[in-house]
Amino acid sequence: MSKPSLKAIPKSKRSLAKGKQIGLRSKPEGKLAWDRLPFVGKDHSKYASCWDVPMSGGFFGGIAVGESIARMYLKYVRTERGNPVALSSTLLSSMLASLAAKQPTTEDEEYALKGQRTGFLSELSNWIETAVDRLGSNLDAIPEQSFVQQANEHLTRTDAALMAAIESRGAK
């Protein structure tokens, strides 16, 4: 299989560190599965990021990029399903935080980033809908009011109260 050409990716107005490529890259050398993900690292930013993706490709290209990143994330979740320290929810949280922290400097970068966000969340939504369709029948038996009540109970709690409750249980 031939390596796809990166020449079609438009040059960003941002400077690229010497020796860095424009697109994403496979990272088989990473020690941890997380480090091997093509969208994690610091190829396109000064600091390590869980959304290390160039802000290029326009809105519609960004959608396709976001969908691809979602699939890479889902593959990571599936591959690491037997690993008790896979931390897939932590990675997802870090990905969303890194995505939100991106700072486009041009309108083109802003559109590309909006497209990436749209594609990523859309693809995750498709997978969630499929999972709920196939596995969510137990949700049908629980009235919505139960979820509302549960959420409201947690909204009135404080971390100090939770820690006190945990400590009191440990004393028994």
N, C-alpha and C. Protein backbone atom coordinates (compact mmCIF):
# COMPACT_ATOMS: atom_id res chain seq x y z
N MET A 1 0.84 -1.18 0.00
CA MET A 1 0.00 0.00 0.00
C MET A 1 0.89 1.24 0.00
N SER A 2 0.61 2.15 -0.89
CA SER A 2 1.44 3.35 -0.96
C SER A 2 1.03 4.36 0.09
N LYS A 3 1.98 5.14 0.51
CA LYS A 3 1.75 6.16 1.53
C LYS A 3 1.01 7.34 0.89
N PRO A 4 -0.10 7.83 1.52
CA PRO A 4 -0.83 8.93 0.92
C PRO A 4 0.04 10.19 0.87
N SER A 5 -0.17 10.95 -0.17
CA SER A 5 0.59 12.18 -0.35
C SER A 5 0.03 13.27 0.56
N LEU A 6 0.90 14.00 1.23
CA LEU A 6 0.47 15.08 2.10
C LEU A 6 0.55 16.42 1.37
N LYS A 7 0.91 16.39 0.09
CA LYS A 7 1.03 17.63 -0.66
C LYS A 7 -0.31 18.33 -0.83
N ALA A 8 -1.43 17.58 -0.78
CA ALA A 8 -2.75 18.16 -0.96
C ALA A 8 -3.19 18.96 0.26
N ILE A 9 -2.53 18.75 1.39
CA ILE A 9 -2.89 19.49 2.60
C ILE A 9 -2.33 20.89 2.47
N PRO A 10 -3.20 21.90 2.57
CA PRO A 10 -2.70 23.27 2.41
C PRO A 10 -1.73 23.65 3.52
N LYS A 11 -0.76 24.45 3.16
CA LYS A 11 0.20 24.93 4.15
C LYS A 11 -0.50 25.86 5.12
N SER A 12 -0.22 25.68 6.38
CA SER A 12 -0.76 26.55 7.42
C SER A 12 0.06 27.82 7.48
N LYS A 13 -0.56 28.87 7.93
CA LYS A 13 0.18 30.12 8.13
C LYS A 13 1.07 30.01 9.38
N ARG A 14 0.83 28.99 10.20
CA ARG A 14 1.66 28.76 11.39
C ARG A 14 2.98 28.13 10.95
N SER A 15 4.03 28.48 11.65
CA SER A 15 5.32 27.89 11.31
C SER A 15 5.35 26.45 11.79
N LEU A 16 6.05 25.63 11.05
CA LEU A 16 6.16 24.21 11.36
C LEU A 16 7.59 23.94 11.79
N ALA A 17 7.76 23.28 12.92
CA ALA A 17 9.10 22.97 13.41
C ALA A 17 9.84 22.12 12.37
N LYS A 18 11.12 22.32 12.28
CA LYS A 18 11.95 21.61 11.32
C LYS A 18 11.80 20.10 11.53
N GLY A 19 11.58 19.40 10.45
CA GLY A 19 11.47 17.95 10.51
C GLY A 19 10.07 17.45 10.82
N LYS A 20 9.12 18.34 11.05
CA LYS A 20 7.75 17.93 11.35
C LYS A 20 6.94 17.89 10.07
N GLN A 21 6.05 16.89 9.94
CA GLN A 21 5.21 16.83 8.76
C GLN A 21 3.91 17.59 9.02
N ILE A 22 3.19 17.85 7.95
CA ILE A 22 1.99 18.66 8.04
C ILE A 22 0.82 17.88 8.64
N GLY A 23 0.61 16.65 8.24
CA GLY A 23 -0.54 15.86 8.68
C GLY A 23 -0.27 15.05 9.93
N LEU A 24 -1.18 14.13 10.21
CA LEU A 24 -1.01 13.21 11.34
C LEU A 24 -0.05 12.10 10.92
N ARG A 25 0.49 11.41 11.90
CA ARG A 25 1.40 10.30 11.60
C ARG A 25 1.17 9.17 12.59
N SER A 26 1.45 7.96 12.14
CA SER A 26 1.41 6.81 13.03
C SER A 26 2.60 6.89 13.96
N LYS A 27 2.44 6.39 15.18
CA LYS A 27 3.52 6.47 16.16
C LYS A 27 3.73 5.11 16.84
N PRO A 28 4.20 4.13 16.10
CA PRO A 28 4.39 2.81 16.70
C PRO A 28 5.44 2.79 17.80
N GLU A 29 6.27 3.83 17.87
CA GLU A 29 7.34 3.87 18.88
C GLU A 29 6.84 4.26 20.27
N GLY A 30 5.61 4.73 20.39
CA GLY A 30 5.09 5.16 21.70
C GLY A 30 5.04 4.01 22.69
N LYS A 31 5.46 4.27 23.94
CA LYS A 31 5.48 3.22 24.96
C LYS A 31 4.08 2.78 25.34
N LEU A 32 3.19 3.74 25.51
CA LEU A 32 1.81 3.45 25.92
C LEU A 32 0.89 3.55 24.71
N ALA A 33 -0.22 2.81 24.74
CA ALA A 33 -1.19 2.87 23.64
C ALA A 33 -1.63 4.31 23.39
N TRP A 34 -1.80 5.07 24.43
CA TRP A 34 -2.21 6.47 24.36
C TRP A 34 -1.20 7.27 23.54
N ASP A 35 0.09 7.04 23.80
CA ASP A 35 1.17 7.77 23.10
C ASP A 35 1.28 7.40 21.62
N ARG A 36 0.70 6.26 21.25
CA ARG A 36 0.78 5.81 19.86
C ARG A 36 -0.34 6.40 19.00
N LEU A 37 -1.30 7.06 19.63
CA LEU A 37 -2.42 7.62 18.87
C LEU A 37 -1.93 8.79 18.01
N PRO A 38 -2.29 8.81 16.73
CA PRO A 38 -1.79 9.84 15.82
C PRO A 38 -2.18 11.28 16.19
N PHE A 39 -3.22 11.45 16.98
CA PHE A 39 -3.69 12.79 17.33
C PHE A 39 -3.24 13.24 18.72
N VAL A 40 -2.40 12.46 19.37
CA VAL A 40 -1.87 12.81 20.69
C VAL A 40 -0.39 13.14 20.54
N GLY A 41 0.05 14.24 21.11
CA GLY A 41 1.46 14.58 21.04
C GLY A 41 1.70 16.06 20.93
N LYS A 42 2.81 16.40 20.29
CA LYS A 42 3.13 17.81 20.10
C LYS A 42 3.77 18.04 18.74
N ASP A 43 3.23 17.38 17.73
CA ASP A 43 3.69 17.59 16.36
C ASP A 43 3.23 18.95 15.83
N HIS A 44 2.10 19.43 16.31
CA HIS A 44 1.50 20.64 15.75
C HIS A 44 1.31 21.74 16.79
N SER A 45 1.95 21.58 17.92
CA SER A 45 1.85 22.60 18.96
C SER A 45 3.11 22.55 19.81
N LYS A 46 3.27 23.56 20.61
CA LYS A 46 4.45 23.67 21.47
C LYS A 46 4.42 22.64 22.60
N TYR A 47 3.22 22.38 23.11
CA TYR A 47 3.05 21.51 24.26
C TYR A 47 2.27 20.26 23.87
N ALA A 48 2.44 19.20 24.66
CA ALA A 48 1.71 17.97 24.41
C ALA A 48 0.22 18.24 24.48
N SER A 49 -0.52 17.62 23.56
CA SER A 49 -1.95 17.84 23.45
C SER A 49 -2.63 16.53 23.10
N CYS A 50 -3.86 16.38 23.54
CA CYS A 50 -4.66 15.22 23.15
C CYS A 50 -5.53 15.54 21.94
N TRP A 51 -5.31 16.71 21.34
CA TRP A 51 -5.92 17.06 20.05
C TRP A 51 -4.83 17.78 19.26
N ASP A 52 -3.80 17.03 18.93
CA ASP A 52 -2.65 17.57 18.20
C ASP A 52 -2.91 17.40 16.71
N VAL A 53 -3.79 18.24 16.20
CA VAL A 53 -4.28 18.13 14.83
C VAL A 53 -4.14 19.50 14.16
N PRO A 54 -3.60 19.54 12.95
CA PRO A 54 -3.52 20.82 12.26
C PRO A 54 -4.91 21.41 12.02
N MET A 55 -5.02 22.71 12.12
CA MET A 55 -6.28 23.38 11.87
C MET A 55 -6.31 23.79 10.41
N SER A 56 -6.51 22.81 9.54
CA SER A 56 -6.53 23.06 8.10
C SER A 56 -7.55 22.12 7.47
N GLY A 57 -7.83 22.36 6.19
CA GLY A 57 -8.76 21.49 5.48
C GLY A 57 -10.15 22.07 5.32
N GLY A 58 -10.39 23.25 5.87
CA GLY A 58 -11.70 23.86 5.76
C GLY A 58 -12.73 23.17 6.65
N PHE A 59 -13.94 23.67 6.63
CA PHE A 59 -14.99 23.11 7.48
C PHE A 59 -15.31 21.68 7.09
N PHE A 60 -15.52 21.42 5.80
CA PHE A 60 -15.93 20.09 5.38
C PHE A 60 -14.79 19.08 5.48
N GLY A 61 -13.58 19.51 5.20
CA GLY A 61 -12.43 18.64 5.44
C GLY A 61 -12.28 18.37 6.92
N GLY A 62 -12.54 19.40 7.74
CA GLY A 62 -12.49 19.24 9.19
C GLY A 62 -13.48 18.20 9.69
N ILE A 63 -14.67 18.18 9.10
CA ILE A 63 -15.66 17.17 9.49
C ILE A 63 -15.09 15.77 9.27
N ALA A 64 -14.51 15.55 8.09
CA ALA A 64 -13.93 14.24 7.78
C ALA A 64 -12.78 13.90 8.73
N VAL A 65 -11.96 14.90 9.06
CA VAL A 65 -10.86 14.69 10.00
C VAL A 65 -11.43 14.30 11.38
N GLY A 66 -12.43 15.04 11.85
CA GLY A 66 -13.04 14.74 13.15
C GLY A 66 -13.63 13.34 13.19
N GLU A 67 -14.29 12.93 12.11
CA GLU A 67 -14.85 11.57 12.05
C GLU A 67 -13.73 10.53 12.13
N SER A 68 -12.63 10.77 11.43
CA SER A 68 -11.50 9.83 11.45
C SER A 68 -10.89 9.74 12.84
N ILE A 69 -10.76 10.88 13.51
CA ILE A 69 -10.20 10.88 14.86
C ILE A 69 -11.13 10.15 15.82
N ALA A 70 -12.44 10.33 15.65
CA ALA A 70 -13.39 9.60 16.49
C ALA A 70 -13.22 8.09 16.30
N ARG A 71 -13.04 7.67 15.07
CA ARG A 71 -12.86 6.23 14.81
C ARG A 71 -11.55 5.72 15.40
N MET A 72 -10.50 6.54 15.33
CA MET A 72 -9.23 6.14 15.96
C MET A 72 -9.41 6.01 17.47
N TYR A 73 -10.15 6.94 18.07
CA TYR A 73 -10.42 6.89 19.51
C TYR A 73 -11.23 5.63 19.83
N LEU A 74 -12.28 5.35 19.06
CA LEU A 74 -13.11 4.17 19.31
C LEU A 74 -12.30 2.88 19.16
N LYS A 75 -11.41 2.86 18.18
CA LYS A 75 -10.54 1.69 18.01
C LYS A 75 -9.63 1.52 19.22
N TYR A 76 -9.12 2.64 19.73
CA TYR A 76 -8.30 2.61 20.95
C TYR A 76 -9.12 2.02 22.10
N VAL A 77 -10.36 2.48 22.27
CA VAL A 77 -11.23 1.98 23.35
C VAL A 77 -11.42 0.47 23.19
N ARG A 78 -11.68 0.04 21.99
CA ARG A 78 -11.90 -1.39 21.75
C ARG A 78 -10.62 -2.19 21.99
N THR A 79 -9.50 -1.72 21.48
CA THR A 79 -8.23 -2.42 21.65
C THR A 79 -7.84 -2.53 23.12
N GLU A 80 -8.12 -1.48 23.88
CA GLU A 80 -7.72 -1.44 25.28
C GLU A 80 -8.80 -1.94 26.24
N ARG A 81 -9.87 -2.54 25.74
CA ARG A 81 -11.00 -2.93 26.60
C ARG A 81 -10.62 -3.91 27.70
N GLY A 82 -9.59 -4.68 27.53
CA GLY A 82 -9.16 -5.60 28.58
C GLY A 82 -8.16 -4.99 29.55
N ASN A 83 -7.73 -3.78 29.28
CA ASN A 83 -6.72 -3.11 30.10
C ASN A 83 -7.41 -2.34 31.23
N PRO A 84 -7.18 -2.73 32.49
CA PRO A 84 -7.85 -2.05 33.60
C PRO A 84 -7.42 -0.59 33.78
N VAL A 85 -6.32 -0.19 33.18
CA VAL A 85 -5.88 1.20 33.30
C VAL A 85 -5.88 1.90 31.93
N ALA A 86 -6.80 1.51 31.05
CA ALA A 86 -6.87 2.10 29.72
C ALA A 86 -7.25 3.58 29.79
N LEU A 87 -8.04 3.96 30.78
CA LEU A 87 -8.40 5.36 31.00
C LEU A 87 -9.04 6.01 29.78
N SER A 88 -9.91 5.28 29.10
CA SER A 88 -10.52 5.83 27.88
C SER A 88 -11.38 7.05 28.17
N SER A 89 -12.05 7.09 29.31
CA SER A 89 -12.86 8.28 29.63
C SER A 89 -11.95 9.47 29.95
N THR A 90 -10.79 9.21 30.55
CA THR A 90 -9.83 10.28 30.81
C THR A 90 -9.29 10.83 29.50
N LEU A 91 -8.98 9.93 28.55
CA LEU A 91 -8.50 10.37 27.25
C LEU A 91 -9.56 11.21 26.55
N LEU A 92 -10.81 10.76 26.58
CA LEU A 92 -11.88 11.51 25.92
C LEU A 92 -12.02 12.89 26.54
N SER A 93 -11.98 12.96 27.85
CA SER A 93 -12.05 14.26 28.53
C SER A 93 -10.89 15.15 28.14
N SER A 94 -9.70 14.58 28.07
CA SER A 94 -8.50 15.35 27.68
C SER A 94 -8.57 15.78 26.22
N MET A 95 -9.13 14.93 25.37
CA MET A 95 -9.29 15.28 23.96
C MET A 95 -10.21 16.50 23.83
N LEU A 96 -11.34 16.45 24.53
CA LEU A 96 -12.29 17.56 24.44
C LEU A 96 -11.71 18.84 25.03
N ALA A 97 -10.96 18.72 26.12
CA ALA A 97 -10.32 19.90 26.72
C ALA A 97 -9.27 20.48 25.76
N SER A 98 -8.48 19.61 25.14
CA SER A 98 -7.46 20.07 24.20
C SER A 98 -8.10 20.70 22.96
N LEU A 99 -9.19 20.12 22.51
CA LEU A 99 -9.91 20.68 21.36
C LEU A 99 -10.44 22.07 21.71
N ALA A 100 -11.01 22.22 22.90
CA ALA A 100 -11.55 23.51 23.34
C ALA A 100 -10.45 24.55 23.54
N ALA A 101 -9.24 24.09 23.86
CA ALA A 101 -8.13 25.02 24.13
C ALA A 101 -7.44 25.50 22.86
N LYS A 102 -7.73 24.88 21.71
CA LYS A 102 -7.09 25.29 20.46
C LYS A 102 -7.44 26.76 20.19
N GLN A 103 -6.48 27.51 19.68
CA GLN A 103 -6.68 28.93 19.44
C GLN A 103 -6.40 29.26 17.98
N PRO A 104 -7.43 29.20 17.15
CA PRO A 104 -7.22 29.55 15.74
C PRO A 104 -6.85 31.02 15.60
N THR A 105 -5.96 31.29 14.65
CA THR A 105 -5.54 32.68 14.43
C THR A 105 -6.11 33.25 13.13
N THR A 106 -6.72 32.39 12.33
CA THR A 106 -7.33 32.86 11.08
C THR A 106 -8.74 32.30 10.98
N GLU A 107 -9.50 32.88 10.08
CA GLU A 107 -10.86 32.38 9.85
C GLU A 107 -10.83 30.96 9.29
N ASP A 108 -9.86 30.66 8.43
CA ASP A 108 -9.73 29.31 7.87
C ASP A 108 -9.48 28.28 8.97
N GLU A 109 -8.59 28.62 9.90
CA GLU A 109 -8.32 27.70 11.02
C GLU A 109 -9.57 27.53 11.88
N GLU A 110 -10.30 28.60 12.09
CA GLU A 110 -11.52 28.53 12.90
C GLU A 110 -12.55 27.61 12.24
N TYR A 111 -12.73 27.73 10.92
CA TYR A 111 -13.68 26.86 10.21
C TYR A 111 -13.22 25.40 10.27
N ALA A 112 -11.94 25.17 10.07
CA ALA A 112 -11.42 23.80 10.13
C ALA A 112 -11.65 23.20 11.50
N LEU A 113 -11.39 23.98 12.55
CA LEU A 113 -11.57 23.49 13.92
C LEU A 113 -13.05 23.20 14.21
N LYS A 114 -13.93 24.07 13.75
CA LYS A 114 -15.38 23.83 13.92
C LYS A 114 -15.78 22.55 13.20
N GLY A 115 -15.23 22.34 12.01
CA GLY A 115 -15.51 21.11 11.28
C GLY A 115 -15.02 19.88 12.02
N GLN A 116 -13.79 19.96 12.58
CA GLN A 116 -13.24 18.82 13.33
C GLN A 116 -14.15 18.48 14.52
N ARG A 117 -14.57 19.51 15.24
CA ARG A 117 -15.45 19.30 16.39
C ARG A 117 -16.78 18.66 15.95
N THR A 118 -17.34 19.19 14.88
CA THR A 118 -18.61 18.67 14.36
C THR A 118 -18.48 17.21 13.95
N GLY A 119 -17.45 16.90 13.19
CA GLY A 119 -17.24 15.52 12.74
C GLY A 119 -16.99 14.56 13.88
N PHE A 120 -16.18 14.98 14.83
CA PHE A 120 -15.85 14.13 15.98
C PHE A 120 -17.10 13.81 16.79
N LEU A 121 -17.84 14.84 17.17
CA LEU A 121 -19.03 14.63 17.99
C LEU A 121 -20.13 13.91 17.23
N SER A 122 -20.25 14.17 15.94
CA SER A 122 -21.24 13.49 15.12
C SER A 122 -20.96 11.99 15.05
N GLU A 123 -19.69 11.64 14.82
CA GLU A 123 -19.33 10.23 14.73
C GLU A 123 -19.52 9.53 16.08
N LEU A 124 -19.12 10.18 17.18
CA LEU A 124 -19.35 9.58 18.50
C LEU A 124 -20.85 9.41 18.75
N SER A 125 -21.64 10.39 18.34
CA SER A 125 -23.09 10.32 18.51
C SER A 125 -23.67 9.12 17.75
N ASN A 126 -23.19 8.90 16.53
CA ASN A 126 -23.66 7.74 15.75
C ASN A 126 -23.39 6.44 16.51
N TRP A 127 -22.21 6.32 17.08
CA TRP A 127 -21.86 5.11 17.83
C TRP A 127 -22.69 4.99 19.11
N ILE A 128 -22.92 6.09 19.78
CA ILE A 128 -23.74 6.07 21.00
C ILE A 128 -25.17 5.65 20.66
N GLU A 129 -25.71 6.20 19.57
CA GLU A 129 -27.07 5.83 19.16
C GLU A 129 -27.16 4.34 18.88
N THR A 130 -26.16 3.78 18.21
CA THR A 130 -26.15 2.34 17.92
C THR A 130 -26.06 1.52 19.20
N ALA A 131 -25.20 1.95 20.12
CA ALA A 131 -25.05 1.23 21.39
C ALA A 131 -26.36 1.28 22.19
N VAL A 132 -27.00 2.43 22.23
CA VAL A 132 -28.25 2.57 22.97
C VAL A 132 -29.34 1.72 22.32
N ASP A 133 -29.36 1.70 21.00
CA ASP A 133 -30.35 0.90 20.28
C ASP A 133 -30.19 -0.59 20.60
N ARG A 134 -28.94 -1.04 20.63
CA ARG A 134 -28.68 -2.47 20.84
C ARG A 134 -28.62 -2.87 22.31
N LEU A 135 -28.16 -1.98 23.17
CA LEU A 135 -27.90 -2.35 24.57
C LEU A 135 -28.73 -1.58 25.58
N GLY A 136 -29.53 -0.63 25.14
CA GLY A 136 -30.18 0.28 26.08
C GLY A 136 -31.58 -0.07 26.53
N SER A 137 -32.03 -1.29 26.31
CA SER A 137 -33.40 -1.63 26.69
C SER A 137 -33.66 -1.49 28.18
N ASN A 138 -32.63 -1.65 29.01
CA ASN A 138 -32.83 -1.49 30.45
C ASN A 138 -33.14 -0.03 30.81
N LEU A 139 -32.79 0.91 29.95
CA LEU A 139 -33.12 2.32 30.21
C LEU A 139 -34.62 2.57 30.09
N ASP A 140 -35.30 1.75 29.27
CA ASP A 140 -36.73 1.93 29.06
C ASP A 140 -37.54 1.77 30.35
N ALA A 141 -37.06 0.94 31.25
CA ALA A 141 -37.80 0.66 32.48
C ALA A 141 -37.63 1.74 33.56
N ILE A 142 -36.71 2.65 33.34
CA ILE A 142 -36.43 3.69 34.35
C ILE A 142 -37.10 4.99 33.92
N PRO A 143 -38.00 5.51 34.76
CA PRO A 143 -38.65 6.76 34.39
C PRO A 143 -37.66 7.93 34.40
N GLU A 144 -37.87 8.88 33.50
CA GLU A 144 -36.97 10.04 33.40
C GLU A 144 -36.87 10.77 34.73
N GLN A 145 -37.96 10.81 35.47
CA GLN A 145 -37.97 11.52 36.75
C GLN A 145 -36.92 10.95 37.71
N SER A 146 -36.63 9.67 37.61
CA SER A 146 -35.59 9.06 38.45
C SER A 146 -34.23 9.67 38.16
N PHE A 147 -33.94 9.91 36.88
CA PHE A 147 -32.67 10.52 36.50
C PHE A 147 -32.62 11.98 36.95
N VAL A 148 -33.76 12.68 36.82
CA VAL A 148 -33.83 14.08 37.25
C VAL A 148 -33.59 14.16 38.75
N GLN A 149 -34.24 13.27 39.51
CA GLN A 149 -34.08 13.27 40.96
C GLN A 149 -32.63 12.96 41.35
N GLN A 150 -32.06 11.98 40.70
CA GLN A 150 -30.67 11.61 40.99
C GLN A 150 -29.73 12.79 40.70
N ALA A 151 -29.91 13.44 39.56
CA ALA A 151 -29.06 14.58 39.21
C ALA A 151 -29.23 15.70 40.24
N ASN A 152 -30.47 15.98 40.62
CA ASN A 152 -30.72 17.04 41.60
C ASN A 152 -30.10 16.74 42.96
N GLU A 153 -30.12 15.47 43.37
CA GLU A 153 -29.48 15.09 44.63
C GLU A 153 -27.98 15.38 44.57
N HIS A 154 -27.37 15.08 43.46
CA HIS A 154 -25.93 15.31 43.32
C HIS A 154 -25.59 16.78 43.19
N LEU A 155 -26.53 17.56 42.66
CA LEU A 155 -26.29 19.01 42.55
C LEU A 155 -26.25 19.70 43.91
N THR A 156 -26.88 19.09 44.90
CA THR A 156 -26.92 19.71 46.24
C THR A 156 -25.77 19.24 47.13
N ARG A 157 -25.01 18.25 46.67
CA ARG A 157 -23.90 17.74 47.47
C ARG A 157 -22.66 18.61 47.32
N THR A 158 -21.78 18.49 48.31
CA THR A 158 -20.46 19.13 48.21
C THR A 158 -19.42 18.03 48.34
N ASP A 159 -18.23 18.32 47.88
CA ASP A 159 -17.15 17.35 48.01
C ASP A 159 -16.84 17.06 49.48
N ALA A 160 -16.92 18.08 50.32
CA ALA A 160 -16.65 17.90 51.75
C ALA A 160 -17.66 16.94 52.37
N ALA A 161 -18.93 17.07 51.98
CA ALA A 161 -19.97 16.18 52.51
C ALA A 161 -19.74 14.75 52.03
N LEU A 162 -19.35 14.59 50.78
CA LEU A 162 -19.07 13.26 50.25
C LEU A 162 -17.90 12.62 50.99
N MET A 163 -16.82 13.37 51.19
CA MET A 163 -15.66 12.83 51.90
C MET A 163 -16.01 12.47 53.34
N ALA A 164 -16.83 13.28 54.00
CA ALA A 164 -17.26 12.98 55.38
C ALA A 164 -18.06 11.69 55.39
N ALA A 165 -18.94 11.48 54.42
CA ALA A 165 -19.74 10.25 54.35
C ALA A 165 -18.85 9.03 54.14
N ILE A 166 -17.86 9.17 53.28
CA ILE A 166 -16.93 8.06 53.03
C ILE A 166 -16.13 7.74 54.29
N GLU A 167 -15.65 8.79 54.96
CA GLU A 167 -14.87 8.58 56.18
C GLU A 167 -15.71 7.95 57.28
N SER A 168 -16.98 8.33 57.39
CA SER A 168 -17.84 7.76 58.43
C SER A 168 -18.11 6.29 58.16
N ARG A 169 -18.20 5.90 56.90
CA ARG A 169 -18.38 4.48 56.56
C ARG A 169 -17.13 3.67 56.91
N GLY A 170 -15.96 4.28 56.69
CA GLY A 170 -14.71 3.61 56.99
C GLY A 170 -14.51 3.40 58.47
N ALA A 171 -15.12 4.23 59.29
CA ALA A 171 -14.97 4.13 60.74
C ALA A 171 -15.81 3.01 61.32
N LYS A 172 -16.78 2.50 60.57
CA LYS A 172 -17.68 1.45 61.08
C LYS A 172 -17.06 0.10 61.08
